[in-house]
Amino acid sequence: MRKYRNIKVGKYDSKKEKDRADLLKILERQGEISHLKEQVKFELIPSQKIDKKVVERPCSYIADFTYCDIHGNFIVEDAKGVRTKDYVIKRKLMLQVHGIRIKEV
């Protein structure tokens, strides 16, 4: 059992995330989605440097899944259980920085 009572299932952080991955893999095999990727990192704020020395590390968001739907739209998906304050800020930064709305399932 982990934070927020999620139980890790294999490489997935929760049963919900594993179940979603299984479904997306089926949809990809059926041709309903394509280019399925897991744990994709998006940089939200670059590292900060002073005199070529990193003084602040970059801030990133790691999406559970990305794929293209049947219409060619790029989808970023998160199998979200609890919406933490950090997640809400990163969700807003994804829209501001990358123009991407995260699909929460």
PDB file of N, CA and C in Angstrom:
ATOM      1  N   MET A   1       0.860  -1.180   0.000  1.00  0.00           N
ATOM      2  CA  MET A   1       0.000   0.000   0.000  1.00  0.00           C
ATOM      3  C   MET A   1       0.901   1.236   0.000  1.00  0.00           C
ATOM      4  N   ARG A   2       0.500   2.226  -0.781  1.00  0.00           N
ATOM      5  CA  ARG A   2       1.284   3.438  -0.893  1.00  0.00           C
ATOM      6  C   ARG A   2       0.433   4.637  -0.499  1.00  0.00           C
ATOM      7  N   LYS A   3       1.016   5.790  -0.674  1.00  0.00           N
ATOM      8  CA  LYS A   3       0.311   7.038  -0.423  1.00  0.00           C
ATOM      9  C   LYS A   3      -1.040   7.013  -1.135  1.00  0.00           C
ATOM     10  N   TYR A   4      -2.059   7.546  -0.528  1.00  0.00           N
ATOM     11  CA  TYR A   4      -3.426   7.603  -1.062  1.00  0.00           C
ATOM     12  C   TYR A   4      -4.043   6.215  -1.248  1.00  0.00           C
ATOM     13  N   ARG A   5      -3.498   5.206  -0.561  1.00  0.00           N
ATOM     14  CA  ARG A   5      -4.037   3.841  -0.535  1.00  0.00           C
ATOM     15  C   ARG A   5      -3.970   3.104  -1.873  1.00  0.00           C
ATOM     16  N   ASN A   6      -3.159   3.602  -2.800  1.00  0.00           N
ATOM     17  CA  ASN A   6      -2.970   2.884  -4.064  1.00  0.00           C
ATOM     18  C   ASN A   6      -2.055   1.699  -3.841  1.00  0.00           C
ATOM     19  N   ILE A   7      -2.369   0.597  -4.459  1.00  0.00           N
ATOM     20  CA  ILE A   7      -1.522  -0.583  -4.392  1.00  0.00           C
ATOM     21  C   ILE A   7      -0.826  -0.722  -5.735  1.00  0.00           C
ATOM     22  N   LYS A   8       0.514  -0.763  -5.705  1.00  0.00           N
ATOM     23  CA  LYS A   8       1.288  -0.889  -6.941  1.00  0.00           C
ATOM     24  C   LYS A   8       1.015  -2.255  -7.561  1.00  0.00           C
ATOM     25  N   VAL A   9       0.756  -2.260  -8.867  1.00  0.00           N
ATOM     26  CA  VAL A   9       0.470  -3.498  -9.602  1.00  0.00           C
ATOM     27  C   VAL A   9       1.507  -3.611 -10.716  1.00  0.00           C
ATOM     28  N   GLY A  10       2.503  -4.477 -10.521  1.00  0.00           N
ATOM     29  CA  GLY A  10       3.581  -4.586 -11.501  1.00  0.00           C
ATOM     30  C   GLY A  10       4.303  -3.264 -11.623  1.00  0.00           C
ATOM     31  N   LYS A  11       4.440  -2.773 -12.854  1.00  0.00           N
ATOM     32  CA  LYS A  11       5.128  -1.492 -13.064  1.00  0.00           C
ATOM     33  C   LYS A  11       4.200  -0.292 -12.902  1.00  0.00           C
ATOM     34  N   TYR A  12       2.921  -0.547 -12.665  1.00  0.00           N
ATOM     35  CA  TYR A  12       1.931   0.532 -12.581  1.00  0.00           C
ATOM     36  C   TYR A  12       1.718   0.976 -11.133  1.00  0.00           C
ATOM     37  N   ASP A  13       1.409   2.263 -10.966  1.00  0.00           N
ATOM     38  CA  ASP A  13       1.239   2.833  -9.633  1.00  0.00           C
ATOM     39  C   ASP A  13      -0.083   2.471  -8.981  1.00  0.00           C
ATOM     40  N   SER A  14      -1.019   1.932  -9.742  1.00  0.00           N
ATOM     41  CA  SER A  14      -2.315   1.549  -9.173  1.00  0.00           C
ATOM     42  C   SER A  14      -2.997   0.535 -10.088  1.00  0.00           C
ATOM     43  N   LYS A  15      -3.994  -0.131  -9.548  1.00  0.00           N
ATOM     44  CA  LYS A  15      -4.794  -1.065 -10.344  1.00  0.00           C
ATOM     45  C   LYS A  15      -5.532  -0.304 -11.445  1.00  0.00           C
ATOM     46  N   LYS A  16      -5.992   0.900 -11.113  1.00  0.00           N
ATOM     47  CA  LYS A  16      -6.699   1.726 -12.097  1.00  0.00           C
ATOM     48  C   LYS A  16      -5.803   2.019 -13.303  1.00  0.00           C
ATOM     49  N   GLU A  17      -4.543   2.364 -13.043  1.00  0.00           N
ATOM     50  CA  GLU A  17      -3.609   2.661 -14.128  1.00  0.00           C
ATOM     51  C   GLU A  17      -3.316   1.401 -14.955  1.00  0.00           C
ATOM     52  N   LYS A  18      -3.152   0.255 -14.302  1.00  0.00           N
ATOM     53  CA  LYS A  18      -2.903  -1.005 -15.012  1.00  0.00           C
ATOM     54  C   LYS A  18      -4.092  -1.377 -15.890  1.00  0.00           C
ATOM     55  N   ASP A  19      -5.306  -1.256 -15.327  1.00  0.00           N
ATOM     56  CA  ASP A  19      -6.509  -1.574 -16.104  1.00  0.00           C
ATOM     57  C   ASP A  19      -6.628  -0.665 -17.324  1.00  0.00           C
ATOM     58  N   ARG A  20      -6.309   0.618 -17.155  1.00  0.00           N
ATOM     59  CA  ARG A  20      -6.376   1.558 -18.271  1.00  0.00           C
ATOM     60  C   ARG A  20      -5.334   1.205 -19.330  1.00  0.00           C
ATOM     61  N   ALA A  21      -4.133   0.836 -18.888  1.00  0.00           N
ATOM     62  CA  ALA A  21      -3.079   0.434 -19.827  1.00  0.00           C
ATOM     63  C   ALA A  21      -3.517  -0.781 -20.632  1.00  0.00           C
ATOM     64  N   ASP A  22      -4.113  -1.751 -19.960  1.00  0.00           N
ATOM     65  CA  ASP A  22      -4.593  -2.952 -20.653  1.00  0.00           C
ATOM     66  C   ASP A  22      -5.624  -2.594 -21.725  1.00  0.00           C
ATOM     67  N   LEU A  23      -6.567  -1.704 -21.380  1.00  0.00           N
ATOM     68  CA  LEU A  23      -7.594  -1.292 -22.335  1.00  0.00           C
ATOM     69  C   LEU A  23      -6.984  -0.538 -23.518  1.00  0.00           C
ATOM     70  N   LEU A  24      -6.057   0.380 -23.235  1.00  0.00           N
ATOM     71  CA  LEU A  24      -5.436   1.150 -24.315  1.00  0.00           C
ATOM     72  C   LEU A  24      -4.647   0.243 -25.258  1.00  0.00           C
ATOM     73  N   LYS A  25      -4.007  -0.781 -24.723  1.00  0.00           N
ATOM     74  CA  LYS A  25      -3.270  -1.727 -25.572  1.00  0.00           C
ATOM     75  C   LYS A  25      -4.226  -2.486 -26.494  1.00  0.00           C
ATOM     76  N   ILE A  26      -5.392  -2.840 -25.978  1.00  0.00           N
ATOM     77  CA  ILE A  26      -6.412  -3.497 -26.807  1.00  0.00           C
ATOM     78  C   ILE A  26      -6.879  -2.544 -27.908  1.00  0.00           C
ATOM     79  N   LEU A  27      -7.157  -1.286 -27.529  1.00  0.00           N
ATOM     80  CA  LEU A  27      -7.605  -0.293 -28.514  1.00  0.00           C
ATOM     81  C   LEU A  27      -6.550  -0.065 -29.594  1.00  0.00           C
ATOM     82  N   GLU A  28      -5.279  -0.108 -29.206  1.00  0.00           N
ATOM     83  CA  GLU A  28      -4.213   0.067 -30.197  1.00  0.00           C
ATOM     84  C   GLU A  28      -4.177  -1.128 -31.157  1.00  0.00           C
ATOM     85  N   ARG A  29      -4.311  -2.332 -30.630  1.00  0.00           N
ATOM     86  CA  ARG A  29      -4.331  -3.524 -31.494  1.00  0.00           C
ATOM     87  C   ARG A  29      -5.517  -3.492 -32.462  1.00  0.00           C
ATOM     88  N   GLN A  30      -6.638  -2.914 -32.016  1.00  0.00           N
ATOM     89  CA  GLN A  30      -7.836  -2.823 -32.858  1.00  0.00           C
ATOM     90  C   GLN A  30      -7.771  -1.656 -33.844  1.00  0.00           C
ATOM     91  N   GLY A  31      -6.744  -0.825 -33.733  1.00  0.00           N
ATOM     92  CA  GLY A  31      -6.585   0.294 -34.651  1.00  0.00           C
ATOM     93  C   GLY A  31      -7.373   1.533 -34.272  1.00  0.00           C
ATOM     94  N   GLU A  32      -7.944   1.554 -33.064  1.00  0.00           N
ATOM     95  CA  GLU A  32      -8.725   2.726 -32.639  1.00  0.00           C
ATOM     96  C   GLU A  32      -7.845   3.851 -32.109  1.00  0.00           C
ATOM     97  N   ILE A  33      -6.644   3.507 -31.639  1.00  0.00           N
ATOM     98  CA  ILE A  33      -5.646   4.502 -31.253  1.00  0.00           C
ATOM     99  C   ILE A  33      -4.309   4.041 -31.825  1.00  0.00           C
ATOM    100  N   SER A  34      -3.325   4.953 -31.839  1.00  0.00           N
ATOM    101  CA  SER A  34      -1.988   4.592 -32.328  1.00  0.00           C
ATOM    102  C   SER A  34      -0.933   5.326 -31.511  1.00  0.00           C
ATOM    103  N   HIS A  35       0.309   4.914 -31.685  1.00  0.00           N
ATOM    104  CA  HIS A  35       1.456   5.564 -31.049  1.00  0.00           C
ATOM    105  C   HIS A  35       1.329   5.617 -29.522  1.00  0.00           C
ATOM    106  N   LEU A  36       0.821   4.561 -28.920  1.00  0.00           N
ATOM    107  CA  LEU A  36       0.662   4.502 -27.465  1.00  0.00           C
ATOM    108  C   LEU A  36       2.026   4.483 -26.785  1.00  0.00           C
ATOM    109  N   LYS A  37       2.198   5.388 -25.827  1.00  0.00           N
ATOM    110  CA  LYS A  37       3.419   5.438 -25.011  1.00  0.00           C
ATOM    111  C   LYS A  37       3.010   5.577 -23.554  1.00  0.00           C
ATOM    112  N   GLU A  38       3.885   5.089 -22.673  1.00  0.00           N
ATOM    113  CA  GLU A  38       3.628   5.173 -21.238  1.00  0.00           C
ATOM    114  C   GLU A  38       4.733   5.976 -20.559  1.00  0.00           C
ATOM    115  N   GLN A  39       4.363   6.673 -19.489  1.00  0.00           N
ATOM    116  CA  GLN A  39       5.296   7.431 -18.658  1.00  0.00           C
ATOM    117  C   GLN A  39       6.123   8.413 -19.494  1.00  0.00           C
ATOM    118  N   VAL A  40       5.427   9.327 -20.148  1.00  0.00           N
ATOM    119  CA  VAL A  40       6.062  10.318 -21.023  1.00  0.00           C
ATOM    120  C   VAL A  40       6.304  11.601 -20.236  1.00  0.00           C
ATOM    121  N   LYS A  41       7.546  12.073 -20.277  1.00  0.00           N
ATOM    122  CA  LYS A  41       7.936  13.261 -19.508  1.00  0.00           C
ATOM    123  C   LYS A  41       7.803  14.528 -20.352  1.00  0.00           C
ATOM    124  N   PHE A  42       7.187  15.554 -19.756  1.00  0.00           N
ATOM    125  CA  PHE A  42       7.058  16.876 -20.363  1.00  0.00           C
ATOM    126  C   PHE A  42       7.729  17.886 -19.438  1.00  0.00           C
ATOM    127  N   GLU A  43       8.646  18.673 -19.968  1.00  0.00           N
ATOM    128  CA  GLU A  43       9.280  19.711 -19.160  1.00  0.00           C
ATOM    129  C   GLU A  43       8.341  20.910 -19.076  1.00  0.00           C
ATOM    130  N   LEU A  44       8.092  21.368 -17.859  1.00  0.00           N
ATOM    131  CA  LEU A  44       7.199  22.503 -17.634  1.00  0.00           C
ATOM    132  C   LEU A  44       7.974  23.781 -17.359  1.00  0.00           C
ATOM    133  N   ILE A  45       9.039  23.666 -16.575  1.00  0.00           N
ATOM    134  CA  ILE A  45       9.901  24.806 -16.264  1.00  0.00           C
ATOM    135  C   ILE A  45      11.338  24.313 -16.418  1.00  0.00           C
ATOM    136  N   PRO A  46      12.131  24.949 -17.276  1.00  0.00           N
ATOM    137  CA  PRO A  46      13.506  24.474 -17.465  1.00  0.00           C
ATOM    138  C   PRO A  46      14.365  24.716 -16.227  1.00  0.00           C
ATOM    139  N   SER A  47      15.502  24.032 -16.187  1.00  0.00           N
ATOM    140  CA  SER A  47      16.426  24.242 -15.074  1.00  0.00           C
ATOM    141  C   SER A  47      16.912  25.690 -15.103  1.00  0.00           C
ATOM    142  N   GLN A  48      17.250  26.195 -13.954  1.00  0.00           N
ATOM    143  CA  GLN A  48      17.733  27.566 -13.826  1.00  0.00           C
ATOM    144  C   GLN A  48      19.229  27.507 -13.541  1.00  0.00           C
ATOM    145  N   LYS A  49      19.999  28.307 -14.281  1.00  0.00           N
ATOM    146  CA  LYS A  49      21.451  28.282 -14.143  1.00  0.00           C
ATOM    147  C   LYS A  49      21.979  29.672 -13.831  1.00  0.00           C
ATOM    148  N   ILE A  50      23.015  29.691 -13.025  1.00  0.00           N
ATOM    149  CA  ILE A  50      23.767  30.913 -12.757  1.00  0.00           C
ATOM    150  C   ILE A  50      25.229  30.560 -13.001  1.00  0.00           C
ATOM    151  N   ASP A  51      25.886  31.317 -13.862  1.00  0.00           N
ATOM    152  CA  ASP A  51      27.279  31.030 -14.233  1.00  0.00           C
ATOM    153  C   ASP A  51      27.454  29.576 -14.663  1.00  0.00           C
ATOM    154  N   LYS A  52      26.544  29.098 -15.490  1.00  0.00           N
ATOM    155  CA  LYS A  52      26.552  27.742 -16.046  1.00  0.00           C
ATOM    156  C   LYS A  52      26.371  26.640 -15.001  1.00  0.00           C
ATOM    157  N   LYS A  53      26.041  27.019 -13.777  1.00  0.00           N
ATOM    158  CA  LYS A  53      25.810  26.033 -12.719  1.00  0.00           C
ATOM    159  C   LYS A  53      24.304  25.957 -12.451  1.00  0.00           C
ATOM    160  N   VAL A  54      23.780  24.737 -12.432  1.00  0.00           N
ATOM    161  CA  VAL A  54      22.348  24.554 -12.186  1.00  0.00           C
ATOM    162  C   VAL A  54      22.054  24.873 -10.723  1.00  0.00           C
ATOM    163  N   VAL A  55      21.178  25.868 -10.519  1.00  0.00           N
ATOM    164  CA  VAL A  55      20.790  26.233  -9.156  1.00  0.00           C
ATOM    165  C   VAL A  55      19.374  25.765  -8.834  1.00  0.00           C
ATOM    166  N   GLU A  56      18.602  25.482  -9.869  1.00  0.00           N
ATOM    167  CA  GLU A  56      17.260  24.909  -9.706  1.00  0.00           C
ATOM    168  C   GLU A  56      17.063  23.861 -10.790  1.00  0.00           C
ATOM    169  N   ARG A  57      16.639  22.674 -10.389  1.00  0.00           N
ATOM    170  CA  ARG A  57      16.369  21.610 -11.353  1.00  0.00           C
ATOM    171  C   ARG A  57      15.090  21.925 -12.125  1.00  0.00           C
ATOM    172  N   PRO A  58      14.921  21.292 -13.288  1.00  0.00           N
ATOM    173  CA  PRO A  58      13.689  21.534 -14.056  1.00  0.00           C
ATOM    174  C   PRO A  58      12.478  20.935 -13.347  1.00  0.00           C
ATOM    175  N   CYS A  59      11.324  21.457 -13.676  1.00  0.00           N
ATOM    176  CA  CYS A  59      10.056  20.922 -13.169  1.00  0.00           C
ATOM    177  C   CYS A  59       9.384  20.204 -14.334  1.00  0.00           C
ATOM    178  N   SER A  60       9.005  18.944 -14.116  1.00  0.00           N
ATOM    179  CA  SER A  60       8.422  18.139 -15.185  1.00  0.00           C
ATOM    180  C   SER A  60       7.114  17.505 -14.744  1.00  0.00           C
ATOM    181  N   TYR A  61       6.330  17.131 -15.739  1.00  0.00           N
ATOM    182  CA  TYR A  61       5.115  16.340 -15.521  1.00  0.00           C
ATOM    183  C   TYR A  61       5.302  15.035 -16.275  1.00  0.00           C
ATOM    184  N   ILE A  62       4.985  13.920 -15.636  1.00  0.00           N
ATOM    185  CA  ILE A  62       5.072  12.617 -16.292  1.00  0.00           C
ATOM    186  C   ILE A  62       3.658  12.102 -16.500  1.00  0.00           C
ATOM    187  N   ALA A  63       3.273  12.026 -17.775  1.00  0.00           N
ATOM    188  CA  ALA A  63       1.938  11.540 -18.135  1.00  0.00           C
ATOM    189  C   ALA A  63       1.914  10.023 -18.052  1.00  0.00           C
ATOM    190  N   ASP A  64       0.795   9.476 -17.604  1.00  0.00           N
ATOM    191  CA  ASP A  64       0.656   8.022 -17.579  1.00  0.00           C
ATOM    192  C   ASP A  64       0.681   7.463 -18.998  1.00  0.00           C
ATOM    193  N   PHE A  65      -0.061   8.112 -19.914  1.00  0.00           N
ATOM    194  CA  PHE A  65      -0.167   7.615 -21.291  1.00  0.00           C
ATOM    195  C   PHE A  65      -0.258   8.776 -22.274  1.00  0.00           C
ATOM    196  N   THR A  66       0.304   8.567 -23.463  1.00  0.00           N
ATOM    197  CA  THR A  66       0.045   9.454 -24.596  1.00  0.00           C
ATOM    198  C   THR A  66      -0.270   8.561 -25.792  1.00  0.00           C
ATOM    199  N   TYR A  67      -1.113   9.070 -26.685  1.00  0.00           N
ATOM    200  CA  TYR A  67      -1.466   8.322 -27.896  1.00  0.00           C
ATOM    201  C   TYR A  67      -2.177   9.252 -28.864  1.00  0.00           C
ATOM    202  N   CYS A  68      -2.388   8.770 -30.079  1.00  0.00           N
ATOM    203  CA  CYS A  68      -3.188   9.488 -31.072  1.00  0.00           C
ATOM    204  C   CYS A  68      -4.512   8.756 -31.215  1.00  0.00           C
ATOM    205  N   ASP A  69      -5.608   9.516 -31.172  1.00  0.00           N
ATOM    206  CA  ASP A  69      -6.918   8.879 -31.337  1.00  0.00           C
ATOM    207  C   ASP A  69      -7.188   8.622 -32.821  1.00  0.00           C
ATOM    208  N   ILE A  70      -8.336   8.077 -33.111  1.00  0.00           N
ATOM    209  CA  ILE A  70      -8.683   7.678 -34.484  1.00  0.00           C
ATOM    210  C   ILE A  70      -8.735   8.871 -35.445  1.00  0.00           C
ATOM    211  N   HIS A  71      -8.898  10.089 -34.901  1.00  0.00           N
ATOM    212  CA  HIS A  71      -8.954  11.303 -35.723  1.00  0.00           C
ATOM    213  C   HIS A  71      -7.589  11.980 -35.839  1.00  0.00           C
ATOM    214  N   GLY A  72      -6.553  11.375 -35.225  1.00  0.00           N
ATOM    215  CA  GLY A  72      -5.210  11.940 -35.286  1.00  0.00           C
ATOM    216  C   GLY A  72      -4.899  12.942 -34.197  1.00  0.00           C
ATOM    217  N   ASN A  73      -5.823  13.129 -33.242  1.00  0.00           N
ATOM    218  CA  ASN A  73      -5.582  14.049 -32.137  1.00  0.00           C
ATOM    219  C   ASN A  73      -4.601  13.432 -31.144  1.00  0.00           C
ATOM    220  N   PHE A  74      -3.639  14.241 -30.673  1.00  0.00           N
ATOM    221  CA  PHE A  74      -2.669  13.801 -29.673  1.00  0.00           C
ATOM    222  C   PHE A  74      -3.323  13.895 -28.298  1.00  0.00           C
ATOM    223  N   ILE A  75      -3.357  12.792 -27.570  1.00  0.00           N
ATOM    224  CA  ILE A  75      -4.016  12.723 -26.269  1.00  0.00           C
ATOM    225  C   ILE A  75      -2.978  12.453 -25.186  1.00  0.00           C
ATOM    226  N   VAL A  76      -3.055  13.222 -24.114  1.00  0.00           N
ATOM    227  CA  VAL A  76      -2.241  12.991 -22.920  1.00  0.00           C
ATOM    228  C   VAL A  76      -3.210  12.601 -21.822  1.00  0.00           C
ATOM    229  N   GLU A  77      -2.953  11.455 -21.208  1.00  0.00           N
ATOM    230  CA  GLU A  77      -3.925  10.890 -20.277  1.00  0.00           C
ATOM    231  C   GLU A  77      -3.283  10.583 -18.932  1.00  0.00           C
ATOM    232  N   ASP A  78      -4.050  10.786 -17.872  1.00  0.00           N
ATOM    233  CA  ASP A  78      -3.611  10.472 -16.520  1.00  0.00           C
ATOM    234  C   ASP A  78      -4.698   9.663 -15.832  1.00  0.00           C
ATOM    235  N   ALA A  79      -4.336   8.492 -15.330  1.00  0.00           N
ATOM    236  CA  ALA A  79      -5.269   7.664 -14.557  1.00  0.00           C
ATOM    237  C   ALA A  79      -5.251   8.204 -13.133  1.00  0.00           C
ATOM    238  N   LYS A  80      -6.036   9.221 -12.915  1.00  0.00           N
ATOM    239  CA  LYS A  80      -5.963   9.994 -11.684  1.00  0.00           C
ATOM    240  C   LYS A  80      -6.912   9.467 -10.634  1.00  0.00           C
ATOM    241  N   GLY A  81      -6.380   9.283  -9.435  1.00  0.00           N
ATOM    242  CA  GLY A  81      -7.198   8.929  -8.285  1.00  0.00           C
ATOM    243  C   GLY A  81      -7.430  10.172  -7.440  1.00  0.00           C
ATOM    244  N   VAL A  82      -6.339  10.736  -6.937  1.00  0.00           N
ATOM    245  CA  VAL A  82      -6.398  11.922  -6.078  1.00  0.00           C
ATOM    246  C   VAL A  82      -5.743  13.087  -6.814  1.00  0.00           C
ATOM    247  N   ARG A  83      -6.425  14.214  -6.862  1.00  0.00           N
ATOM    248  CA  ARG A  83      -5.872  15.415  -7.493  1.00  0.00           C
ATOM    249  C   ARG A  83      -5.124  16.215  -6.433  1.00  0.00           C
ATOM    250  N   THR A  84      -3.816  16.013  -6.366  1.00  0.00           N
ATOM    251  CA  THR A  84      -3.002  16.740  -5.393  1.00  0.00           C
ATOM    252  C   THR A  84      -2.816  18.185  -5.856  1.00  0.00           C
ATOM    253  N   LYS A  85      -2.372  19.041  -4.949  1.00  0.00           N
ATOM    254  CA  LYS A  85      -2.100  20.436  -5.317  1.00  0.00           C
ATOM    255  C   LYS A  85      -1.011  20.503  -6.383  1.00  0.00           C
ATOM    256  N   ASP A  86       0.019  19.671  -6.231  1.00  0.00           N
ATOM    257  CA  ASP A  86       1.094  19.647  -7.233  1.00  0.00           C
ATOM    258  C   ASP A  86       0.551  19.264  -8.604  1.00  0.00           C
ATOM    259  N   TYR A  87      -0.318  18.253  -8.646  1.00  0.00           N
ATOM    260  CA  TYR A  87      -0.883  17.816  -9.924  1.00  0.00           C
ATOM    261  C   TYR A  87      -1.694  18.937 -10.573  1.00  0.00           C
ATOM    262  N   VAL A  88      -2.510  19.630  -9.799  1.00  0.00           N
ATOM    263  CA  VAL A  88      -3.352  20.703 -10.354  1.00  0.00           C
ATOM    264  C   VAL A  88      -2.474  21.795 -10.966  1.00  0.00           C
ATOM    265  N   ILE A  89      -1.390  22.152 -10.289  1.00  0.00           N
ATOM    266  CA  ILE A  89      -0.471  23.162 -10.824  1.00  0.00           C
ATOM    267  C   ILE A  89       0.171  22.659 -12.115  1.00  0.00           C
ATOM    268  N   LYS A  90       0.619  21.409 -12.123  1.00  0.00           N
ATOM    269  CA  LYS A  90       1.250  20.851 -13.327  1.00  0.00           C
ATOM    270  C   LYS A  90       0.254  20.733 -14.477  1.00  0.00           C
ATOM    271  N   ARG A  91      -0.991  20.405 -14.167  1.00  0.00           N
ATOM    272  CA  ARG A  91      -2.027  20.337 -15.203  1.00  0.00           C
ATOM    273  C   ARG A  91      -2.200  21.709 -15.855  1.00  0.00           C
ATOM    274  N   LYS A  92      -2.224  22.755 -15.038  1.00  0.00           N
ATOM    275  CA  LYS A  92      -2.368  24.113 -15.563  1.00  0.00           C
ATOM    276  C   LYS A  92      -1.144  24.524 -16.379  1.00  0.00           C
ATOM    277  N   LEU A  93       0.044  24.133 -15.917  1.00  0.00           N
ATOM    278  CA  LEU A  93       1.265  24.438 -16.659  1.00  0.00           C
ATOM    279  C   LEU A  93       1.316  23.690 -17.990  1.00  0.00           C
ATOM    280  N   MET A  94       0.803  22.468 -18.035  1.00  0.00           N
ATOM    281  CA  MET A  94       0.754  21.723 -19.306  1.00  0.00           C
ATOM    282  C   MET A  94      -0.055  22.495 -20.342  1.00  0.00           C
ATOM    283  N   LEU A  95      -1.165  23.077 -19.917  1.00  0.00           N
ATOM    284  CA  LEU A  95      -1.997  23.857 -20.831  1.00  0.00           C
ATOM    285  C   LEU A  95      -1.285  25.146 -21.237  1.00  0.00           C
ATOM    286  N   GLN A  96      -0.683  25.826 -20.273  1.00  0.00           N
ATOM    287  CA  GLN A  96      -0.009  27.098 -20.538  1.00  0.00           C
ATOM    288  C   GLN A  96       1.239  26.921 -21.405  1.00  0.00           C
ATOM    289  N   VAL A  97       2.077  25.959 -21.057  1.00  0.00           N
ATOM    290  CA  VAL A  97       3.371  25.799 -21.720  1.00  0.00           C
ATOM    291  C   VAL A  97       3.264  25.024 -23.031  1.00  0.00           C
ATOM    292  N   HIS A  98       2.500  23.936 -23.026  1.00  0.00           N
ATOM    293  CA  HIS A  98       2.446  23.047 -24.191  1.00  0.00           C
ATOM    294  C   HIS A  98       1.121  23.101 -24.955  1.00  0.00           C
ATOM    295  N   GLY A  99       0.126  23.809 -24.404  1.00  0.00           N
ATOM    296  CA  GLY A  99      -1.181  23.863 -25.058  1.00  0.00           C
ATOM    297  C   GLY A  99      -1.909  22.531 -25.021  1.00  0.00           C
ATOM    298  N   ILE A 100      -1.620  21.722 -24.003  1.00  0.00           N
ATOM    299  CA  ILE A 100      -2.191  20.378 -23.898  1.00  0.00           C
ATOM    300  C   ILE A 100      -3.088  20.286 -22.672  1.00  0.00           C
ATOM    301  N   ARG A 101      -4.328  19.852 -22.892  1.00  0.00           N
ATOM    302  CA  ARG A 101      -5.246  19.548 -21.788  1.00  0.00           C
ATOM    303  C   ARG A 101      -5.116  18.074 -21.470  1.00  0.00           C
ATOM    304  N   ILE A 102      -4.909  17.775 -20.214  1.00  0.00           N
ATOM    305  CA  ILE A 102      -4.748  16.392 -19.779  1.00  0.00           C
ATOM    306  C   ILE A 102      -6.123  15.757 -19.631  1.00  0.00           C
ATOM    307  N   LYS A 103      -6.277  14.582 -20.214  1.00  0.00           N
ATOM    308  CA  LYS A 103      -7.516  13.812 -20.075  1.00  0.00           C
ATOM    309  C   LYS A 103      -7.381  12.959 -18.817  1.00  0.00           C
ATOM    310  N   GLU A 104      -8.245  13.209 -17.851  1.00  0.00           N
ATOM    311  CA  GLU A 104      -8.219  12.451 -16.602  1.00  0.00           C
ATOM    312  C   GLU A 104      -9.230  11.320 -16.678  1.00  0.00           C
ATOM    313  N   VAL A 105      -8.782  10.112 -16.369  1.00  0.00           N
ATOM    314  CA  VAL A 105      -9.681   8.951 -16.392  1.00  0.00           C
ATOM    315  C   VAL A 105      -9.685   8.283 -15.031  1.00  0.00           C
TER     316      VAL A 105
END
